Amino acid sequence: MAEPGEQLPEEVLALIFRHLPLRDRAAAARVCRAWAAAATCSTVWHNTNIREPSRLAAIELLTALAGRNPELRGLCLECRGEKRLFDSGRDVLDAVHALCRAARALRHLDLRRLPFTLDDALVLQVAHGCPELCSLFLDNSTLVGSVGPGSVLELLEACPCLRALGLHLASLSRTALEALAAPDRAPFELLALRCACPEDARAPPLPNEAWAELSRRHPGLAVELELEPALPAESVTRVLQPAVPVAALRLSLSGDTVGPVRFAARHYAATLSALEVRAAASAELNAALEELAERCAGLREVHCFCVVRPSVLHAFRTHCPRLRSYTLKLTREPHPWRPTLVT
């Protein structure tokens, strides 16, 4: 007698299973060998979100994936819902550990939407379990940064194909920048840095000359910087080095925002394509935004979450011909503020 899954090709089953809730995917994986193979293939899992009601099912399915030594190529995990999961997340992270031990073909791992503290043990497991890794994002919204520079350096040595990396600032070191700039390193394309926790505020400065060498070695490198309220003014000045090839800058600072906007206008004009500002409205901020619009002709997005004067909107529309989306409100409106698309 044929197994139920043998009546449909695996790729058809996978297309069906990808639309099921996690709990139903886990149940499908227990029906027979054919359904288990289809339910644990990368097509089903690539865009899976974890919500609190299905957390146990998600862990069960991650464990099932690890147990079948999958040819999984990419995994993006997200926890969201009315109640964020700010507990330790040990059960979820243990399942991720197990998966990384088994999925040696894994090339893309995105954990930036997990609100758990990620640590050195996880990074080292990824480094030694996933040698073909091309992208890794660890720049999540944790309140504590526990990934040290040493484990990141070991990751870079173990994964020579890595071309995109997301970290908290405290996880990056001058030695890591030098490793990325090594002559035999594969082209490196994206470095996303989040500065949001106390460890980031205490991180030692990364020298401008190291950034300059990295930019010379990888002329196509794009750096995304996200600076949040935990970062004091003196730390902001250490992060914003002139030679950093900043492509996206997100400012949500508790202190001065005008200075960083002017700095970006004067040093990142050749690379900046996206700007997001969350600050109190002021005449000084309006003037800084106008200067940035005049200098940064390559901007494609600008989002300012405070009211601006009409001349700011006019400056961006006039001087930024590549602009595709903007949030520049001239009067207060109910939130959420929706961006304007440029056609």
Protein backbone atom coordinates (compact mmCIF):
# COMPACT_ATOMS: atom_id res chain seq x y z
CA MET A 1 0.00 0.00 0.00
CA ALA A 2 1.41 3.38 -0.97
CA GLU A 3 2.12 5.94 1.75
CA PRO A 4 -0.14 9.02 1.66
CA GLY A 5 2.71 11.32 0.61
CA GLU A 6 3.54 9.20 -2.42
CA GLN A 7 0.38 10.38 -4.12
CA LEU A 8 1.82 13.89 -4.58
CA PRO A 9 5.35 15.01 -5.46
CA GLU A 10 7.39 16.41 -2.58
CA GLU A 11 7.54 19.88 -4.13
CA VAL A 12 3.72 20.03 -4.31
CA LEU A 13 3.39 18.94 -0.69
CA ALA A 14 5.95 21.56 0.30
CA LEU A 15 3.94 24.30 -1.41
CA ILE A 16 0.88 23.19 0.55
CA PHE A 17 2.66 22.85 3.90
CA ARG A 18 4.28 26.30 3.70
CA HIS A 19 0.82 27.88 4.13
CA LEU A 20 0.00 25.86 7.28
CA PRO A 21 0.39 27.13 10.85
CA LEU A 22 3.42 25.76 12.67
CA ARG A 23 1.37 23.38 14.79
CA ASP A 24 -0.16 21.82 11.66
CA ARG A 25 3.25 21.57 9.97
CA ALA A 26 4.54 19.67 12.98
CA ALA A 27 1.54 17.34 12.82
CA ALA A 28 2.05 16.78 9.08
CA ALA A 29 5.68 15.84 9.68
CA ARG A 30 4.52 12.90 11.84
CA VAL A 31 2.16 11.37 9.27
CA CYS A 32 4.70 9.43 7.18
CA ARG A 33 8.23 9.59 5.81
CA ALA A 34 7.22 11.41 2.61
CA TRP A 35 5.25 14.05 4.48
CA ALA A 36 8.10 14.45 6.97
CA ALA A 37 10.56 15.09 4.13
CA ALA A 38 8.23 17.66 2.55
CA ALA A 39 7.41 19.39 5.86
CA THR A 40 11.08 19.84 6.74
CA CYS A 41 12.42 21.08 3.40
CA SER A 42 13.70 24.65 3.10
CA THR A 43 10.79 25.75 0.86
CA VAL A 44 8.39 25.28 3.78
CA TRP A 45 10.61 26.97 6.34
CA HIS A 46 12.19 29.91 4.57
CA ASN A 47 9.71 32.59 5.70
CA THR A 48 8.40 31.15 8.95
CA ASN A 49 7.40 33.47 11.80
CA ILE A 50 7.31 32.26 15.41
CA ARG A 51 4.42 33.57 17.49
CA GLU A 52 3.95 32.79 21.16
CA PRO A 53 0.95 30.42 20.75
CA SER A 54 2.95 28.24 18.34
CA ARG A 55 6.27 28.42 20.18
CA LEU A 56 6.28 24.78 21.27
CA ALA A 57 5.33 23.66 17.77
CA ALA A 58 8.16 25.78 16.35
CA ILE A 59 10.69 24.19 18.70
CA GLU A 60 9.37 20.76 17.84
CA LEU A 61 9.71 21.42 14.13
CA LEU A 62 13.21 22.93 14.50
CA THR A 63 14.21 19.81 16.39
CA ALA A 64 12.71 17.65 13.66
CA LEU A 65 14.69 19.56 11.05
CA ALA A 66 17.89 19.00 12.98
CA GLY A 67 17.16 15.31 13.41
CA ARG A 68 16.83 14.77 9.67
CA ASN A 69 20.14 16.50 8.85
CA PRO A 70 18.39 18.81 6.34
CA GLU A 71 19.81 20.49 3.28
CA LEU A 72 18.36 23.71 4.64
CA ARG A 73 19.92 26.75 2.94
CA GLY A 74 18.26 29.66 4.74
CA LEU A 75 16.45 30.24 8.05
CA CYS A 76 14.85 33.43 9.38
CA LEU A 77 13.19 33.28 12.81
CA GLU A 78 10.85 35.91 14.18
CA CYS A 79 9.06 36.20 17.51
CA ARG A 80 6.24 38.68 17.55
CA GLY A 81 2.81 39.24 19.03
CA GLU A 82 1.02 41.36 21.60
CA LYS A 83 3.36 40.08 24.30
CA ARG A 84 7.01 40.08 23.33
CA LEU A 85 9.08 37.12 24.45
CA PHE A 86 11.71 38.80 26.61
CA ASP A 87 12.55 35.68 28.60
CA SER A 88 15.83 33.84 28.18
CA GLY A 89 14.54 31.90 25.16
CA ARG A 90 16.76 28.95 26.06
CA ASP A 91 14.39 26.42 24.49
CA VAL A 92 14.32 28.24 21.15
CA LEU A 93 18.09 28.82 21.16
CA ASP A 94 18.78 25.17 22.03
CA ALA A 95 16.75 24.17 18.97
CA VAL A 96 18.73 26.64 16.83
CA HIS A 97 21.97 25.16 18.19
CA ALA A 98 20.85 21.67 17.23
CA LEU A 99 19.83 22.81 13.76
CA CYS A 100 23.17 24.51 13.14
CA ARG A 101 24.98 21.32 14.13
CA ALA A 102 23.04 19.40 11.49
CA ALA A 103 22.52 21.92 8.66
CA ARG A 104 26.03 22.13 7.25
CA ALA A 105 24.65 23.50 3.97
CA LEU A 106 23.08 26.50 5.75
CA ARG A 107 24.02 29.71 3.97
CA HIS A 108 21.71 32.35 5.46
CA LEU A 109 20.74 32.72 9.13
CA ASP A 110 18.74 35.71 10.34
CA LEU A 111 18.11 35.98 14.10
CA ARG A 112 17.68 39.75 14.40
CA ARG A 113 13.96 39.39 15.21
CA LEU A 114 14.56 37.08 18.17
CA PRO A 115 14.31 39.14 21.39
CA PHE A 116 16.64 36.78 23.26
CA THR A 117 20.22 37.25 24.38
CA LEU A 118 22.48 35.65 21.77
CA ASP A 119 25.86 34.49 23.03
CA ASP A 120 29.31 33.27 22.03
CA ALA A 121 28.27 29.61 22.18
CA LEU A 122 25.72 30.14 19.43
CA VAL A 123 28.18 32.05 17.22
CA LEU A 124 30.83 29.34 17.64
CA GLN A 125 28.27 26.64 16.85
CA VAL A 126 27.35 28.47 13.64
CA ALA A 127 31.03 28.99 12.81
CA HIS A 128 31.94 25.32 13.08
CA GLY A 129 28.63 23.83 11.97
CA CYS A 130 27.90 25.96 8.89
CA PRO A 131 31.13 26.43 6.87
CA GLU A 132 29.24 27.59 3.75
CA LEU A 133 27.54 30.47 5.57
CA CYS A 134 27.11 33.60 3.43
CA SER A 135 25.04 35.84 5.72
CA LEU A 136 24.45 36.01 9.47
CA PHE A 137 22.38 38.63 11.29
CA LEU A 138 22.65 38.85 15.09
CA ASP A 139 21.78 42.55 15.50
CA ASN A 140 18.60 41.93 17.46
CA SER A 141 16.74 43.98 20.07
CA THR A 142 18.21 42.28 23.13
CA LEU A 143 18.77 44.36 26.25
CA VAL A 144 22.17 42.74 26.83
CA GLY A 145 24.95 42.12 24.31
CA SER A 146 26.74 38.83 24.98
CA VAL A 147 28.54 38.12 21.70
CA GLY A 148 32.20 38.96 22.17
CA PRO A 149 34.70 40.07 19.51
CA GLY A 150 36.65 36.83 19.87
CA SER A 151 33.82 34.60 18.71
CA VAL A 152 33.13 36.93 15.76
CA LEU A 153 36.78 36.69 14.72
CA GLU A 154 36.57 32.89 14.89
CA LEU A 155 33.41 33.04 12.78
CA LEU A 156 35.20 35.07 10.10
CA GLU A 157 38.06 32.58 10.02
CA ALA A 158 35.75 29.55 9.81
CA CYS A 159 33.34 30.99 7.21
CA PRO A 160 35.40 32.41 4.32
CA CYS A 161 32.30 32.88 2.12
CA LEU A 162 30.58 35.23 4.57
CA ARG A 163 29.57 38.40 2.74
CA ALA A 164 26.88 39.93 5.01
CA LEU A 165 27.01 40.29 8.78
CA GLY A 166 24.78 41.99 11.34
CA LEU A 167 26.17 42.65 14.83
CA HIS A 168 25.94 44.84 17.88
CA LEU A 169 28.77 47.34 17.96
CA ALA A 170 30.38 45.71 21.01
CA SER A 171 30.82 42.47 19.03
CA LEU A 172 33.06 44.12 16.43
CA SER A 173 36.77 44.82 16.86
CA ARG A 174 39.63 46.34 14.93
CA THR A 175 41.02 42.83 14.48
CA ALA A 176 37.77 41.74 12.83
CA LEU A 177 37.89 44.72 10.45
CA GLU A 178 41.46 43.77 9.55
CA ALA A 179 40.40 40.16 8.96
CA LEU A 180 37.66 41.32 6.62
CA ALA A 181 40.19 43.46 4.76
CA ALA A 182 42.62 40.55 4.24
CA PRO A 183 43.78 40.17 0.59
CA ASP A 184 42.42 36.63 0.25
CA ARG A 185 38.98 37.49 1.67
CA ALA A 186 35.94 36.98 -0.59
CA PRO A 187 34.02 40.18 -1.48
CA PHE A 188 32.22 41.51 1.57
CA GLU A 189 28.99 43.39 0.84
CA LEU A 190 27.03 44.35 3.97
CA LEU A 191 27.84 45.15 7.59
CA ALA A 192 24.84 46.08 9.76
CA LEU A 193 25.74 47.55 13.16
CA ARG A 194 23.27 48.19 15.93
CA CYS A 195 24.21 50.41 18.87
CA ALA A 196 21.50 49.88 21.43
CA CYS A 197 22.67 48.20 24.66
CA PRO A 198 25.06 49.30 27.45
CA GLU A 199 27.87 47.13 26.08
CA ASP A 200 27.70 49.07 22.80
CA ALA A 201 28.08 52.36 24.65
CA ARG A 202 31.25 51.05 26.34
CA ALA A 203 32.75 49.50 23.20
CA PRO A 204 36.24 50.76 22.26
CA PRO A 205 36.41 52.97 19.18
CA LEU A 206 37.08 51.45 15.76
CA PRO A 207 39.80 53.58 14.16
CA ASN A 208 39.12 55.51 11.01
CA GLU A 209 42.17 54.02 9.27
CA ALA A 210 40.79 50.50 9.75
CA TRP A 211 37.52 51.57 8.11
CA ALA A 212 39.45 53.22 5.28
CA GLU A 213 41.41 50.05 4.59
CA LEU A 214 38.23 47.96 4.66
CA SER A 215 36.57 50.31 2.16
CA ARG A 216 39.57 50.14 -0.17
CA ARG A 217 39.55 46.34 -0.02
CA HIS A 218 35.77 46.11 -0.61
CA PRO A 219 34.68 49.17 -2.63
CA GLY A 220 31.11 47.85 -2.84
CA LEU A 221 30.71 47.51 0.94
CA ALA A 222 27.56 49.06 2.47
CA VAL A 223 27.38 49.75 6.19
CA GLU A 224 24.06 50.17 7.98
CA LEU A 225 24.22 52.03 11.30
CA GLU A 226 21.42 52.09 13.85
CA LEU A 227 22.02 54.38 16.83
CA GLU A 228 19.51 54.13 19.67
CA PRO A 229 18.87 56.10 22.91
CA ALA A 230 21.26 54.00 25.02
CA LEU A 231 24.19 55.54 23.15
CA PRO A 232 25.53 58.72 24.85
CA ALA A 233 26.84 61.64 22.83
CA GLU A 234 30.52 60.76 23.37
CA SER A 235 29.90 57.24 22.02
CA VAL A 236 28.14 58.63 18.94
CA THR A 237 31.23 60.61 18.00
CA ARG A 238 33.35 57.45 18.32
CA VAL A 239 31.02 55.46 16.06
CA LEU A 240 30.64 58.02 13.28
CA GLN A 241 34.03 57.85 11.60
CA PRO A 242 34.51 59.67 8.26
CA ALA A 243 35.74 56.60 6.35
CA VAL A 244 32.76 54.36 7.22
CA PRO A 245 30.85 53.69 3.95
CA VAL A 246 27.44 54.35 5.52
CA ALA A 247 24.56 53.45 3.21
CA ALA A 248 21.77 53.53 5.80
CA LEU A 249 21.70 55.64 8.95
CA ARG A 250 18.97 55.35 11.59
CA LEU A 251 19.12 57.89 14.41
CA SER A 252 16.94 57.52 17.49
CA LEU A 253 19.10 59.28 20.06
CA SER A 254 18.19 60.69 23.44
CA GLY A 255 20.69 63.52 22.99
CA ASP A 256 21.91 65.64 20.10
CA THR A 257 20.69 64.56 16.65
CA VAL A 258 21.63 67.68 14.72
CA GLY A 259 25.37 66.98 14.98
CA PRO A 260 25.13 63.42 13.58
CA VAL A 261 22.91 64.61 10.70
CA ARG A 262 25.43 67.32 9.78
CA PHE A 263 28.29 64.82 10.08
CA ALA A 264 26.47 62.45 7.70
CA ALA A 265 25.91 65.28 5.24
CA ARG A 266 29.60 66.15 5.16
CA HIS A 267 31.15 62.66 5.19
CA TYR A 268 28.64 60.16 3.76
CA ALA A 269 27.42 62.06 0.71
CA ALA A 270 28.92 59.50 -1.68
CA THR A 271 27.35 56.45 -0.01
CA LEU A 272 24.21 57.41 1.93
CA SER A 273 20.99 56.07 0.39
CA ALA A 274 18.63 55.87 3.40
CA LEU A 275 18.15 58.09 6.45
CA GLU A 276 15.75 57.71 9.37
CA VAL A 277 15.54 60.30 12.13
CA ARG A 278 13.50 60.17 15.32
CA ALA A 279 13.97 63.42 17.23
CA ALA A 280 12.20 66.51 18.48
CA ALA A 281 11.44 69.15 15.87
CA SER A 282 13.70 72.20 15.87
CA ALA A 283 14.98 74.92 13.55
CA GLU A 284 18.49 73.47 13.88
CA LEU A 285 17.33 70.04 12.78
CA ASN A 286 15.51 71.56 9.81
CA ALA A 287 18.70 73.33 8.72
CA ALA A 288 20.75 70.14 9.11
CA LEU A 289 18.28 68.16 7.02
CA GLU A 290 18.37 70.80 4.29
CA GLU A 291 22.19 70.64 4.22
CA LEU A 292 22.03 66.85 3.97
CA ALA A 293 19.54 67.03 1.09
CA GLU A 294 21.83 69.38 -0.82
CA ARG A 295 24.91 67.17 -0.36
CA CYS A 296 23.49 63.62 -0.56
CA ALA A 297 22.09 63.41 -4.09
CA GLY A 298 22.01 59.61 -4.01
CA LEU A 299 19.39 59.38 -1.26
CA ARG A 300 16.56 56.97 -2.06
CA GLU A 301 14.71 57.11 1.27
CA VAL A 302 14.38 59.70 4.03
CA HIS A 303 12.06 59.30 6.99
CA CYS A 304 11.85 61.97 9.68
CA PHE A 305 9.42 61.27 12.50
CA CYS A 306 8.89 64.85 13.57
CA VAL A 307 7.24 67.79 11.85
CA VAL A 308 9.56 69.65 9.43
CA ARG A 309 9.24 73.00 7.69
CA PRO A 310 8.22 73.16 4.01
CA SER A 311 11.75 74.08 2.88
CA VAL A 312 12.99 70.67 4.10
CA LEU A 313 10.54 68.83 1.87
CA HIS A 314 11.41 71.14 -1.02
CA ALA A 315 15.15 70.51 -0.52
CA PHE A 316 14.80 66.73 -0.73
CA ARG A 317 12.46 66.86 -3.71
CA THR A 318 14.81 69.27 -5.52
CA HIS A 319 18.27 67.86 -4.77
CA CYS A 320 17.64 64.08 -4.53
CA PRO A 321 16.54 62.85 -7.98
CA ARG A 322 16.71 59.18 -6.89
CA LEU A 323 14.32 59.66 -3.99
CA ARG A 324 11.70 56.91 -3.97
CA SER A 325 10.10 57.16 -0.54
CA TYR A 326 9.94 59.81 2.18
CA THR A 327 8.23 60.64 5.46
CA LEU A 328 8.38 64.42 5.81
CA LYS A 329 5.26 65.78 7.52
CA LEU A 330 4.52 69.49 7.55
CA THR A 331 1.77 69.20 10.19
CA ARG A 332 1.04 66.77 12.98
CA GLU A 333 -0.90 63.70 11.91
CA PRO A 334 -2.24 60.65 13.75
CA HIS A 335 0.23 57.80 13.99
CA PRO A 336 1.36 55.64 12.33
CA TRP A 337 2.84 58.01 9.76
CA ARG A 338 2.80 56.51 6.29
CA PRO A 339 5.61 57.22 3.82
CA THR A 340 4.98 59.01 0.54
CA LEU A 341 6.05 57.08 -2.57
CA VAL A 342 7.66 59.03 -5.38
CA THR A 343 6.49 57.86 -8.79
